[in-house]
C-alpha atoms as a PDB file:
ATOM      1  CA  UNK A   1       8.794  51.797 -25.286  1.00  0.00           C
ATOM      2  CA  UNK A   2      11.506  53.828 -23.408  1.00  0.00           C
ATOM      3  CA  UNK A   3      12.719  55.406 -26.628  1.00  0.00           C
ATOM      4  CA  UNK A   4       8.924  56.323 -27.701  1.00  0.00           C
ATOM      5  CA  UNK A   5       8.518  58.130 -24.478  1.00  0.00           C
ATOM      6  CA  UNK A   6      11.695  60.077 -24.703  1.00  0.00           C
ATOM      7  CA  UNK A   7      10.886  61.154 -28.305  1.00  0.00           C
ATOM      8  CA  UNK A   8       7.196  62.265 -26.907  1.00  0.00           C
ATOM      9  CA  UNK A   9       8.635  64.388 -24.025  1.00  0.00           C
ATOM     10  CA  UNK A  10      11.412  65.814 -26.136  1.00  0.00           C
ATOM     11  CA  UNK A  11       8.769  66.848 -28.773  1.00  0.00           C
ATOM     12  CA  UNK A  12       6.991  68.707 -26.021  1.00  0.00           C
ATOM     13  CA  UNK A  13      10.053  70.892 -25.283  1.00  0.00           C
ATOM     14  CA  UNK A  14      11.282  68.849 -22.126  1.00  0.00           C
ATOM     15  CA  UNK A  15      14.717  67.875 -21.231  1.00  0.00           C
ATOM     16  CA  UNK A  16      15.122  64.113 -20.748  1.00  0.00           C
ATOM     17  CA  UNK A  17      18.018  62.213 -19.308  1.00  0.00           C
ATOM     18  CA  UNK A  18      17.917  58.317 -20.018  1.00  0.00           C
ATOM     19  CA  UNK A  19      19.556  56.007 -17.685  1.00  0.00           C
ATOM     20  CA  UNK A  20      20.131  52.356 -19.212  1.00  0.00           C
ATOM     21  CA  UNK A  21      22.795  49.792 -19.067  1.00  0.00           C
ATOM     22  CA  UNK A  22      21.551  48.535 -22.408  1.00  0.00           C
ATOM     23  CA  UNK A  23      21.046  44.879 -20.932  1.00  0.00           C
ATOM     24  CA  UNK A  24      17.824  44.463 -22.936  1.00  0.00           C
ATOM     25  CA  UNK A  25      17.628  47.953 -24.606  1.00  0.00           C
ATOM     26  CA  UNK A  26      19.075  48.963 -27.961  1.00  0.00           C
ATOM     27  CA  UNK A  27      21.272  52.107 -28.189  1.00  0.00           C
ATOM     28  CA  UNK A  28      20.121  52.476 -32.134  1.00  0.00           C
ATOM     29  CA  UNK A  29      16.678  53.270 -30.972  1.00  0.00           C
ATOM     30  CA  UNK A  30      18.086  56.673 -29.414  1.00  0.00           C
ATOM     31  CA  UNK A  31      20.478  57.175 -32.320  1.00  0.00           C
ATOM     32  CA  UNK A  32      18.300  59.838 -33.996  1.00  0.00           C
ATOM     33  CA  UNK A  33      18.468  62.085 -30.920  1.00  0.00           C
ATOM     34  CA  UNK A  34      22.404  62.296 -31.242  1.00  0.00           C
ATOM     35  CA  UNK A  35      23.132  65.979 -30.960  1.00  0.00           C
ATOM     36  CA  UNK A  36      19.890  67.113 -29.200  1.00  0.00           C
ATOM     37  CA  UNK A  37      20.796  69.579 -26.531  1.00  0.00           C
ATOM     38  CA  UNK A  38      17.781  68.550 -24.453  1.00  0.00           C
ATOM     39  CA  UNK A  39      18.915  64.936 -24.405  1.00  0.00           C
ATOM     40  CA  UNK A  40      21.536  63.062 -22.355  1.00  0.00           C
ATOM     41  CA  UNK A  41      22.258  59.510 -22.210  1.00  0.00           C
ATOM     42  CA  UNK A  42      24.002  57.619 -19.587  1.00  0.00           C
ATOM     43  CA  UNK A  43      25.000  54.037 -19.818  1.00  0.00           C
ATOM     44  CA  UNK A  44      24.563  52.802 -16.292  1.00  0.00           C
ATOM     45  CA  UNK A  45      22.811  50.324 -14.176  1.00  0.00           C
ATOM     46  CA  UNK A  46      20.362  51.664 -11.803  1.00  0.00           C
ATOM     47  CA  UNK A  47      21.135  48.886  -9.333  1.00  0.00           C
ATOM     48  CA  UNK A  48      24.355  50.726  -8.595  1.00  0.00           C
ATOM     49  CA  UNK A  49      24.551  54.127  -6.730  1.00  0.00           C
ATOM     50  CA  UNK A  50      22.490  56.814  -8.245  1.00  0.00           C
ATOM     51  CA  UNK A  51      23.209  59.609  -5.490  1.00  0.00           C
ATOM     52  CA  UNK A  52      24.837  61.791  -7.667  1.00  0.00           C
ATOM     53  CA  UNK A  53      21.370  62.384  -9.457  1.00  0.00           C
ATOM     54  CA  UNK A  54      19.616  63.653  -5.934  1.00  0.00           C
ATOM     55  CA  UNK A  55      20.523  67.128  -6.817  1.00  0.00           C
ATOM     56  CA  UNK A  56      19.007  67.086 -10.262  1.00  0.00           C
ATOM     57  CA  UNK A  57      16.153  69.287 -10.911  1.00  0.00           C
ATOM     58  CA  UNK A  58      13.581  66.543 -11.986  1.00  0.00           C
ATOM     59  CA  UNK A  59      10.203  67.087 -12.394  1.00  0.00           C
ATOM     60  CA  UNK A  60       9.568  63.373 -13.026  1.00  0.00           C
ATOM     61  CA  UNK A  61      11.352  60.242 -12.525  1.00  0.00           C
ATOM     62  CA  UNK A  62      10.260  57.220 -14.645  1.00  0.00           C
ATOM     63  CA  UNK A  63      11.325  53.785 -14.063  1.00  0.00           C
ATOM     64  CA  UNK A  64      10.813  51.664 -16.961  1.00  0.00           C
ATOM     65  CA  UNK A  65      13.669  49.256 -16.171  1.00  0.00           C
ATOM     66  CA  UNK A  66      13.322  45.471 -16.226  1.00  0.00           C
ATOM     67  CA  UNK A  67      14.072  42.272 -18.061  1.00  0.00           C
ATOM     68  CA  UNK A  68      10.213  41.940 -19.243  1.00  0.00           C
ATOM     69  CA  UNK A  69      10.735  39.034 -21.963  1.00  0.00           C
ATOM     70  CA  UNK A  70      10.578  35.517 -20.773  1.00  0.00           C
ATOM     71  CA  UNK A  71      13.526  34.986 -22.875  1.00  0.00           C
ATOM     72  CA  UNK A  72      15.494  37.396 -20.782  1.00  0.00           C
ATOM     73  CA  UNK A  73      14.068  36.811 -17.494  1.00  0.00           C
ATOM     74  CA  UNK A  74      14.521  33.110 -17.568  1.00  0.00           C
ATOM     75  CA  UNK A  75      18.510  33.517 -18.589  1.00  0.00           C
ATOM     76  CA  UNK A  76      18.750  36.247 -15.924  1.00  0.00           C
ATOM     77  CA  UNK A  77      16.501  35.831 -12.986  1.00  0.00           C
ATOM     78  CA  UNK A  78      18.785  37.388 -10.418  1.00  0.00           C
ATOM     79  CA  UNK A  79      19.161  40.423 -12.364  1.00  0.00           C
ATOM     80  CA  UNK A  80      15.531  40.828 -12.964  1.00  0.00           C
ATOM     81  CA  UNK A  81      14.888  40.465  -9.074  1.00  0.00           C
ATOM     82  CA  UNK A  82      17.722  42.926  -8.578  1.00  0.00           C
ATOM     83  CA  UNK A  83      16.184  45.521 -10.945  1.00  0.00           C
ATOM     84  CA  UNK A  84      12.808  45.140  -9.370  1.00  0.00           C
ATOM     85  CA  UNK A  85      14.053  45.514  -5.920  1.00  0.00           C
ATOM     86  CA  UNK A  86      17.323  47.506  -5.531  1.00  0.00           C
ATOM     87  CA  UNK A  87      16.848  49.355  -8.850  1.00  0.00           C
ATOM     88  CA  UNK A  88      13.540  50.335  -8.062  1.00  0.00           C
ATOM     89  CA  UNK A  89      14.673  51.672  -4.769  1.00  0.00           C
ATOM     90  CA  UNK A  90      17.352  53.596  -6.129  1.00  0.00           C
ATOM     91  CA  UNK A  91      15.021  55.433  -8.607  1.00  0.00           C
ATOM     92  CA  UNK A  92      12.586  56.012  -5.534  1.00  0.00           C
ATOM     93  CA  UNK A  93      15.458  57.631  -3.687  1.00  0.00           C
ATOM     94  CA  UNK A  94      16.238  60.110  -6.589  1.00  0.00           C
ATOM     95  CA  UNK A  95      12.398  60.955  -6.564  1.00  0.00           C
ATOM     96  CA  UNK A  96      12.649  61.279  -2.936  1.00  0.00           C
ATOM     97  CA  UNK A  97      15.459  63.592  -2.718  1.00  0.00           C
ATOM     98  CA  UNK A  98      14.589  65.739  -5.783  1.00  0.00           C
ATOM     99  CA  UNK A  99      10.873  66.014  -4.932  1.00  0.00           C
ATOM    100  CA  UNK A 100       9.872  64.547  -8.335  1.00  0.00           C
ATOM    101  CA  UNK A 101       6.791  62.387  -9.277  1.00  0.00           C
ATOM    102  CA  UNK A 102       7.731  58.729  -9.513  1.00  0.00           C
ATOM    103  CA  UNK A 103       6.117  56.549 -12.164  1.00  0.00           C
ATOM    104  CA  UNK A 104       6.406  52.930 -11.971  1.00  0.00           C
ATOM    105  CA  UNK A 105       5.660  50.726 -14.980  1.00  0.00           C
ATOM    106  CA  UNK A 106       4.506  47.530 -13.187  1.00  0.00           C
ATOM    107  CA  UNK A 107       2.846  44.755 -15.263  1.00  0.00           C
ATOM    108  CA  UNK A 108      -0.227  42.743 -15.834  1.00  0.00           C
ATOM    109  CA  UNK A 109       1.728  40.009 -14.672  1.00  0.00           C
ATOM    110  CA  UNK A 110       0.958  41.147 -10.982  1.00  0.00           C
ATOM    111  CA  UNK A 111      -2.245  39.108 -11.564  1.00  0.00           C
ATOM    112  CA  UNK A 112      -0.683  35.849 -12.621  1.00  0.00           C
ATOM    113  CA  UNK A 113      -2.695  33.233 -13.994  1.00  0.00           C
ATOM    114  CA  UNK A 114      -5.733  35.038 -13.102  1.00  0.00           C
ATOM    115  CA  UNK A 115      -8.837  33.640 -11.884  1.00  0.00           C
ATOM    116  CA  UNK A 116     -10.652  36.750 -12.417  1.00  0.00           C
ATOM    117  CA  UNK A 117     -11.613  38.120 -15.937  1.00  0.00           C
ATOM    118  CA  UNK A 118     -11.008  40.636 -17.181  1.00  0.00           C
ATOM    119  CA  UNK A 119      -8.308  41.723 -14.650  1.00  0.00           C
ATOM    120  CA  UNK A 120      -9.224  44.832 -12.541  1.00  0.00           C
ATOM    121  CA  UNK A 121      -6.945  46.651 -10.305  1.00  0.00           C
ATOM    122  CA  UNK A 122      -8.319  45.527  -6.901  1.00  0.00           C
ATOM    123  CA  UNK A 123      -7.794  42.022  -7.819  1.00  0.00           C
ATOM    124  CA  UNK A 124      -4.826  40.707  -5.955  1.00  0.00           C
ATOM    125  CA  UNK A 125      -3.730  37.935  -8.294  1.00  0.00           C
ATOM    126  CA  UNK A 126      -2.859  34.439  -8.717  1.00  0.00           C
ATOM    127  CA  UNK A 127       0.849  34.109  -8.587  1.00  0.00           C
ATOM    128  CA  UNK A 128       3.055  31.367  -7.856  1.00  0.00           C
ATOM    129  CA  UNK A 129       5.936  32.781  -5.884  1.00  0.00           C
ATOM    130  CA  UNK A 130       8.145  29.604  -6.533  1.00  0.00           C
ATOM    131  CA  UNK A 131       7.726  29.131 -10.302  1.00  0.00           C
ATOM    132  CA  UNK A 132       9.747  29.835 -13.521  1.00  0.00           C
ATOM    133  CA  UNK A 133       8.104  33.111 -13.977  1.00  0.00           C
ATOM    134  CA  UNK A 134       8.367  34.153 -10.241  1.00  0.00           C
ATOM    135  CA  UNK A 135      11.479  36.053 -10.598  1.00  0.00           C
ATOM    136  CA  UNK A 136       9.689  38.551 -13.010  1.00  0.00           C
ATOM    137  CA  UNK A 137       6.157  38.790 -11.309  1.00  0.00           C
ATOM    138  CA  UNK A 138       7.334  38.937  -7.823  1.00  0.00           C
ATOM    139  CA  UNK A 139       9.793  41.634  -8.570  1.00  0.00           C
ATOM    140  CA  UNK A 140       6.963  43.728 -10.112  1.00  0.00           C
ATOM    141  CA  UNK A 141       4.891  43.143  -7.027  1.00  0.00           C
ATOM    142  CA  UNK A 142       7.746  43.895  -4.819  1.00  0.00           C
ATOM    143  CA  UNK A 143       8.255  47.246  -6.799  1.00  0.00           C
ATOM    144  CA  UNK A 144       4.560  48.272  -6.104  1.00  0.00           C
ATOM    145  CA  UNK A 145       5.205  47.445  -2.538  1.00  0.00           C
ATOM    146  CA  UNK A 146       8.340  49.575  -2.574  1.00  0.00           C
ATOM    147  CA  UNK A 147       6.434  52.418  -4.295  1.00  0.00           C
ATOM    148  CA  UNK A 148       3.478  52.467  -1.661  1.00  0.00           C
ATOM    149  CA  UNK A 149       5.915  52.352   1.290  1.00  0.00           C
ATOM    150  CA  UNK A 150       7.791  55.339  -0.016  1.00  0.00           C
ATOM    151  CA  UNK A 151       4.602  57.289  -0.730  1.00  0.00           C
ATOM    152  CA  UNK A 152       3.369  56.352   3.114  1.00  0.00           C
ATOM    153  CA  UNK A 153       6.856  57.283   4.621  1.00  0.00           C
ATOM    154  CA  UNK A 154       8.107  59.979   2.578  1.00  0.00           C
ATOM    155  CA  UNK A 155       5.497  61.425   0.876  1.00  0.00           C
ATOM    156  CA  UNK A 156       6.884  60.563  -2.537  1.00  0.00           C
ATOM    157  CA  UNK A 157       4.274  61.162  -5.224  1.00  0.00           C
ATOM    158  CA  UNK A 158       3.822  57.717  -6.834  1.00  0.00           C
ATOM    159  CA  UNK A 159       2.097  56.578  -9.824  1.00  0.00           C
ATOM    160  CA  UNK A 160       1.673  52.758 -10.741  1.00  0.00           C
ATOM    161  CA  UNK A 161       0.936  51.636 -14.367  1.00  0.00           C
ATOM    162  CA  UNK A 162       0.060  48.031 -14.881  1.00  0.00           C
ATOM    163  CA  UNK A 163       0.961  47.670 -18.386  1.00  0.00           C
ATOM    164  CA  UNK A 164      -0.648  45.037 -20.502  1.00  0.00           C
ATOM    165  CA  UNK A 165       0.856  43.684 -23.761  1.00  0.00           C
ATOM    166  CA  UNK A 166       2.324  46.422 -25.639  1.00  0.00           C
ATOM    167  CA  UNK A 167       3.937  46.118 -29.078  1.00  0.00           C
ATOM    168  CA  UNK A 168       5.220  48.464 -32.140  1.00  0.00           C
ATOM    169  CA  UNK A 169       8.502  49.209 -33.905  1.00  0.00           C
ATOM    170  CA  UNK A 170      11.778  49.424 -32.086  1.00  0.00           C
ATOM    171  CA  UNK A 171      11.291  46.391 -30.065  1.00  0.00           C
ATOM    172  CA  UNK A 172      14.030  43.556 -30.578  1.00  0.00           C
ATOM    173  CA  UNK A 173      13.720  41.060 -33.412  1.00  0.00           C
ATOM    174  CA  UNK A 174      14.974  38.393 -30.940  1.00  0.00           C
ATOM    175  CA  UNK A 175      13.128  39.859 -27.970  1.00  0.00           C
ATOM    176  CA  UNK A 176      11.159  36.447 -27.612  1.00  0.00           C
ATOM    177  CA  UNK A 177       7.612  37.850 -27.099  1.00  0.00           C
ATOM    178  CA  UNK A 178       4.910  37.029 -29.366  1.00  0.00           C
ATOM    179  CA  UNK A 179       4.605  40.150 -31.544  1.00  0.00           C
ATOM    180  CA  UNK A 180       8.116  40.377 -32.921  1.00  0.00           C
ATOM    181  CA  UNK A 181       8.347  36.655 -32.996  1.00  0.00           C
ATOM    182  CA  UNK A 182       5.133  35.940 -35.004  1.00  0.00           C
ATOM    183  CA  UNK A 183       6.194  38.968 -37.470  1.00  0.00           C
ATOM    184  CA  UNK A 184       9.551  38.052 -38.071  1.00  0.00           C
ATOM    185  CA  UNK A 185       8.799  34.296 -38.553  1.00  0.00           C
ATOM    186  CA  UNK A 186       6.237  35.311 -41.095  1.00  0.00           C
ATOM    187  CA  UNK A 187       8.284  37.585 -42.874  1.00  0.00           C
ATOM    188  CA  UNK A 188      11.071  35.070 -43.150  1.00  0.00           C
ATOM    189  CA  UNK A 189       8.338  32.494 -44.223  1.00  0.00           C
ATOM    190  CA  UNK A 190       9.254  30.251 -41.286  1.00  0.00           C
ATOM    191  CA  UNK A 191       6.278  28.374 -39.445  1.00  0.00           C
ATOM    192  CA  UNK A 192       4.514  30.517 -36.478  1.00  0.00           C
ATOM    193  CA  UNK A 193       5.142  28.586 -33.508  1.00  0.00           C
ATOM    194  CA  UNK A 194       2.348  28.605 -30.997  1.00  0.00           C
ATOM    195  CA  UNK A 195       3.073  27.233 -27.422  1.00  0.00           C
ATOM    196  CA  UNK A 196      -0.020  25.245 -25.914  1.00  0.00           C
ATOM    197  CA  UNK A 197      -3.241  25.018 -27.794  1.00  0.00           C
ATOM    198  CA  UNK A 198      -3.458  28.686 -28.935  1.00  0.00           C
ATOM    199  CA  UNK A 199      -6.591  29.397 -27.206  1.00  0.00           C
ATOM    200  CA  UNK A 200      -4.725  31.428 -24.544  1.00  0.00           C
ATOM    201  CA  UNK A 201      -5.684  35.087 -24.923  1.00  0.00           C
ATOM    202  CA  UNK A 202      -3.835  38.377 -24.962  1.00  0.00           C
ATOM    203  CA  UNK A 203      -4.823  41.901 -25.604  1.00  0.00           C
ATOM    204  CA  UNK A 204      -2.443  43.984 -27.582  1.00  0.00           C
ATOM    205  CA  UNK A 205      -1.852  47.805 -27.063  1.00  0.00           C
ATOM    206  CA  UNK A 206      -0.011  49.851 -29.610  1.00  0.00           C
ATOM    207  CA  UNK A 207       2.880  51.702 -28.229  1.00  0.00           C
ATOM    208  CA  UNK A 208       1.741  55.238 -29.066  1.00  0.00           C
ATOM    209  CA  UNK A 209      -1.500  54.599 -27.092  1.00  0.00           C
ATOM    210  CA  UNK A 210       0.629  53.467 -23.937  1.00  0.00           C
ATOM    211  CA  UNK A 211       2.730  56.464 -24.309  1.00  0.00           C
ATOM    212  CA  UNK A 212      -0.199  58.779 -24.067  1.00  0.00           C
ATOM    213  CA  UNK A 213      -1.678  56.816 -21.105  1.00  0.00           C
ATOM    214  CA  UNK A 214       1.541  56.883 -19.303  1.00  0.00           C
ATOM    215  CA  UNK A 215       1.753  60.764 -19.611  1.00  0.00           C
ATOM    216  CA  UNK A 216      -1.735  61.035 -18.328  1.00  0.00           C
ATOM    217  CA  UNK A 217      -1.170  59.026 -15.298  1.00  0.00           C
ATOM    218  CA  UNK A 218       2.187  60.819 -14.693  1.00  0.00           C
ATOM    219  CA  UNK A 219       0.622  64.359 -14.318  1.00  0.00           C
ATOM    220  CA  UNK A 220      -2.605  62.953 -12.834  1.00  0.00           C
ATOM    221  CA  UNK A 221      -3.138  63.010  -8.906  1.00  0.00           C
ATOM    222  CA  UNK A 222      -3.780  59.351  -8.684  1.00  0.00           C
ATOM    223  CA  UNK A 223      -1.599  57.312  -6.692  1.00  0.00           C
ATOM    224  CA  UNK A 224      -3.170  54.143  -6.876  1.00  0.00           C
ATOM    225  CA  UNK A 225      -2.549  51.217  -9.799  1.00  0.00           C
ATOM    226  CA  UNK A 226      -4.053  51.757 -13.101  1.00  0.00           C
ATOM    227  CA  UNK A 227      -4.365  49.158 -15.822  1.00  0.00           C
ATOM    228  CA  UNK A 228      -3.070  50.558 -19.134  1.00  0.00           C
ATOM    229  CA  UNK A 229      -3.880  48.148 -22.193  1.00  0.00           C
ATOM    230  CA  UNK A 230      -6.118  47.238 -24.915  1.00  0.00           C
ATOM    231  CA  UNK A 231      -9.386  45.522 -23.933  1.00  0.00           C
ATOM    232  CA  UNK A 232      -9.723  43.957 -27.183  1.00  0.00           C
ATOM    233  CA  UNK A 233      -8.944  40.471 -26.564  1.00  0.00           C
ATOM    234  CA  UNK A 234      -7.730  37.834 -29.117  1.00  0.00           C
ATOM    235  CA  UNK A 235      -6.681  33.977 -28.817  1.00  0.00           C
ATOM    236  CA  UNK A 236      -2.947  33.584 -29.925  1.00  0.00           C
ATOM    237  CA  UNK A 237      -4.214  31.349 -32.779  1.00  0.00           C
ATOM    238  CA  UNK A 238      -6.072  34.150 -33.978  1.00  0.00           C
ATOM    239  CA  UNK A 239      -3.329  36.500 -33.642  1.00  0.00           C
ATOM    240  CA  UNK A 240      -1.096  34.181 -35.597  1.00  0.00           C
ATOM    241  CA  UNK A 241      -3.760  33.923 -38.424  1.00  0.00           C
ATOM    242  CA  UNK A 242      -3.693  37.736 -38.537  1.00  0.00           C
ATOM    243  CA  UNK A 243      -0.001  38.136 -38.846  1.00  0.00           C
ATOM    244  CA  UNK A 244       0.071  35.548 -41.596  1.00  0.00           C
ATOM    245  CA  UNK A 245      -2.694  37.449 -43.318  1.00  0.00           C
ATOM    246  CA  UNK A 246      -1.214  40.825 -42.909  1.00  0.00           C
ATOM    247  CA  UNK A 247       2.201  39.786 -44.089  1.00  0.00           C
ATOM    248  CA  UNK A 248       0.991  37.832 -47.136  1.00  0.00           C
ATOM    249  CA  UNK A 249       3.030  34.827 -45.853  1.00  0.00           C
ATOM    250  CA  UNK A 250       2.632  31.421 -46.689  1.00  0.00           C
ATOM    251  CA  UNK A 251       3.992  30.265 -43.253  1.00  0.00           C
ATOM    252  CA  UNK A 252       2.247  27.261 -41.359  1.00  0.00           C
ATOM    253  CA  UNK A 253       1.065  27.526 -37.927  1.00  0.00           C
ATOM    254  CA  UNK A 254       2.678  24.857 -35.730  1.00  0.00           C
ATOM    255  CA  UNK A 255       2.219  23.728 -32.075  1.00  0.00           C
ATOM    256  CA  UNK A 256       4.626  23.119 -29.136  1.00  0.00           C
ATOM    257  CA  UNK A 257       4.213  22.210 -25.315  1.00  0.00           C
ATOM    258  CA  UNK A 258       4.106  25.319 -23.033  1.00  0.00           C
ATOM    259  CA  UNK A 259       7.513  26.165 -21.631  1.00  0.00           C
ATOM    260  CA  UNK A 260       6.244  27.528 -18.536  1.00  0.00           C
ATOM    261  CA  UNK A 261       3.443  25.965 -16.683  1.00  0.00           C
ATOM    262  CA  UNK A 262       2.341  28.971 -14.945  1.00  0.00           C
ATOM    263  CA  UNK A 263       1.671  30.857 -18.510  1.00  0.00           C
ATOM    264  CA  UNK A 264      -1.467  32.830 -18.042  1.00  0.00           C
ATOM    265  CA  UNK A 265      -4.363  31.378 -19.911  1.00  0.00           C
ATOM    266  CA  UNK A 266      -6.342  34.854 -19.968  1.00  0.00           C
ATOM    267  CA  UNK A 267      -5.033  38.156 -20.178  1.00  0.00           C
ATOM    268  CA  UNK A 268      -7.397  41.286 -20.626  1.00  0.00           C
ATOM    269  CA  UNK A 269      -7.410  44.608 -18.795  1.00  0.00           C
ATOM    270  CA  UNK A 270     -10.425  46.170 -17.269  1.00  0.00           C
ATOM    271  CA  UNK A 271      -9.566  49.769 -18.146  1.00  0.00           C
ATOM    272  CA  UNK A 272     -12.574  51.452 -16.425  1.00  0.00           C
ATOM    273  CA  UNK A 273     -10.540  53.205 -14.030  1.00  0.00           C
ATOM    274  CA  UNK A 274      -8.204  54.666 -16.598  1.00  0.00           C
ATOM    275  CA  UNK A 275     -11.249  55.751 -18.568  1.00  0.00           C
ATOM    276  CA  UNK A 276     -12.806  57.566 -15.358  1.00  0.00           C
ATOM    277  CA  UNK A 277      -9.672  59.134 -13.947  1.00  0.00           C
ATOM    278  CA  UNK A 278      -7.325  59.728 -16.883  1.00  0.00           C
ATOM    279  CA  UNK A 279     -10.062  59.633 -19.785  1.00  0.00           C
ATOM    280  CA  UNK A 280      -7.904  57.415 -21.772  1.00  0.00           C
ATOM    281  CA  UNK A 281      -8.492  54.369 -23.699  1.00  0.00           C
ATOM    282  CA  UNK A 282      -6.747  52.841 -26.859  1.00  0.00           C
ATOM    283  CA  UNK A 283      -7.464  54.368 -30.302  1.00  0.00           C
ATOM    284  CA  UNK A 284      -5.284  52.699 -32.628  1.00  0.00           C
ATOM    285  CA  UNK A 285      -7.092  49.522 -34.362  1.00  0.00           C
ATOM    286  CA  UNK A 286      -5.023  46.279 -33.898  1.00  0.00           C
ATOM    287  CA  UNK A 287      -4.895  45.925 -37.447  1.00  0.00           C
ATOM    288  CA  UNK A 288      -3.618  49.288 -37.868  1.00  0.00           C
ATOM    289  CA  UNK A 289      -0.840  48.992 -35.264  1.00  0.00           C
ATOM    290  CA  UNK A 290       0.093  45.513 -36.548  1.00  0.00           C
ATOM    291  CA  UNK A 291       0.546  46.500 -40.037  1.00  0.00           C
ATOM    292  CA  UNK A 292       2.822  49.429 -38.729  1.00  0.00           C
ATOM    293  CA  UNK A 293       4.981  47.141 -36.733  1.00  0.00           C
ATOM    294  CA  UNK A 294       5.159  44.625 -39.771  1.00  0.00           C
ATOM    295  CA  UNK A 295       6.378  47.570 -42.030  1.00  0.00           C
ATOM    296  CA  UNK A 296       8.875  48.600 -39.504  1.00  0.00           C
ATOM    297  CA  UNK A 297      10.441  44.932 -39.134  1.00  0.00           C
ATOM    298  CA  UNK A 298      10.430  44.608 -43.019  1.00  0.00           C
ATOM    299  CA  UNK A 299      12.235  47.613 -43.501  1.00  0.00           C
ATOM    300  CA  UNK A 300      14.735  46.446 -40.754  1.00  0.00           C
ATOM    301  CA  UNK A 301      15.228  42.887 -42.392  1.00  0.00           C
ATOM    302  CA  UNK A 302      15.936  44.663 -45.868  1.00  0.00           C
ATOM    303  CA  UNK A 303      18.597  47.023 -44.092  1.00  0.00           C
ATOM    304  CA  UNK A 304      20.395  43.953 -42.767  1.00  0.00           C
ATOM    305  CA  UNK A 305      20.326  42.147 -45.995  1.00  0.00           C
ATOM    306  CA  UNK A 306      21.793  45.084 -48.034  1.00  0.00           C
END
């Protein structure tokens, strides 16, 4: 997502500095920007001191840092908690000292395994603070609390985006999330692995739609959380069948037990707030977005085989 946002802002003539320790990011996603005079990359950890950035003439500070994949945050729970706490506060300090607008990319996971459906921003959630997913869920909830505190105490202009499942080109093949996993299993003729009974639902938003929503939120005057996602819901079983169809694969669909007992059974955003305040809603049909993503991974696979 960060590389797509970078491209978006550079295309509009902005200067962009990216700070990333590449723990889960891929520098290859930025390779095409080498030599661009408006682009700077710093390989560093936002959990470390960022005071050298305080004097920068920043219009906006966007915090997208997180280990958002279950594969990553299960393996690195302490790092996940740190980036949501120490990292977020360090970025807030940069915005505070430079007078920049601060955009925090939160997540639908703040709603936990929801008892309200679809989820709307005034729902406080059903989160297990002591479960296998808590390092991610609670780090984002804490990030939001930090943002509101900095807004109240220091008048930092904060924007909170609660992002629902987003997909598209440049996501890691081994990311562990369902879209790259199913697509690459199908392209390789492997069985598509569904955890649980496949009736759990997700709603998938293509990355270009999400980028547009983030920019509109950034330059709005709205300081409350806003859901950004696609309200078109489908079951994981339906999604698996669609990927098999679009790839023309002969892959079978198999089932395994859920690895996390707190895995959300329903996930779908109420985006009325985004529609009213940002005049935003997704425009890329799922089949179109999934085909673009499939084409990306198919090309990547051919490159790796050559």
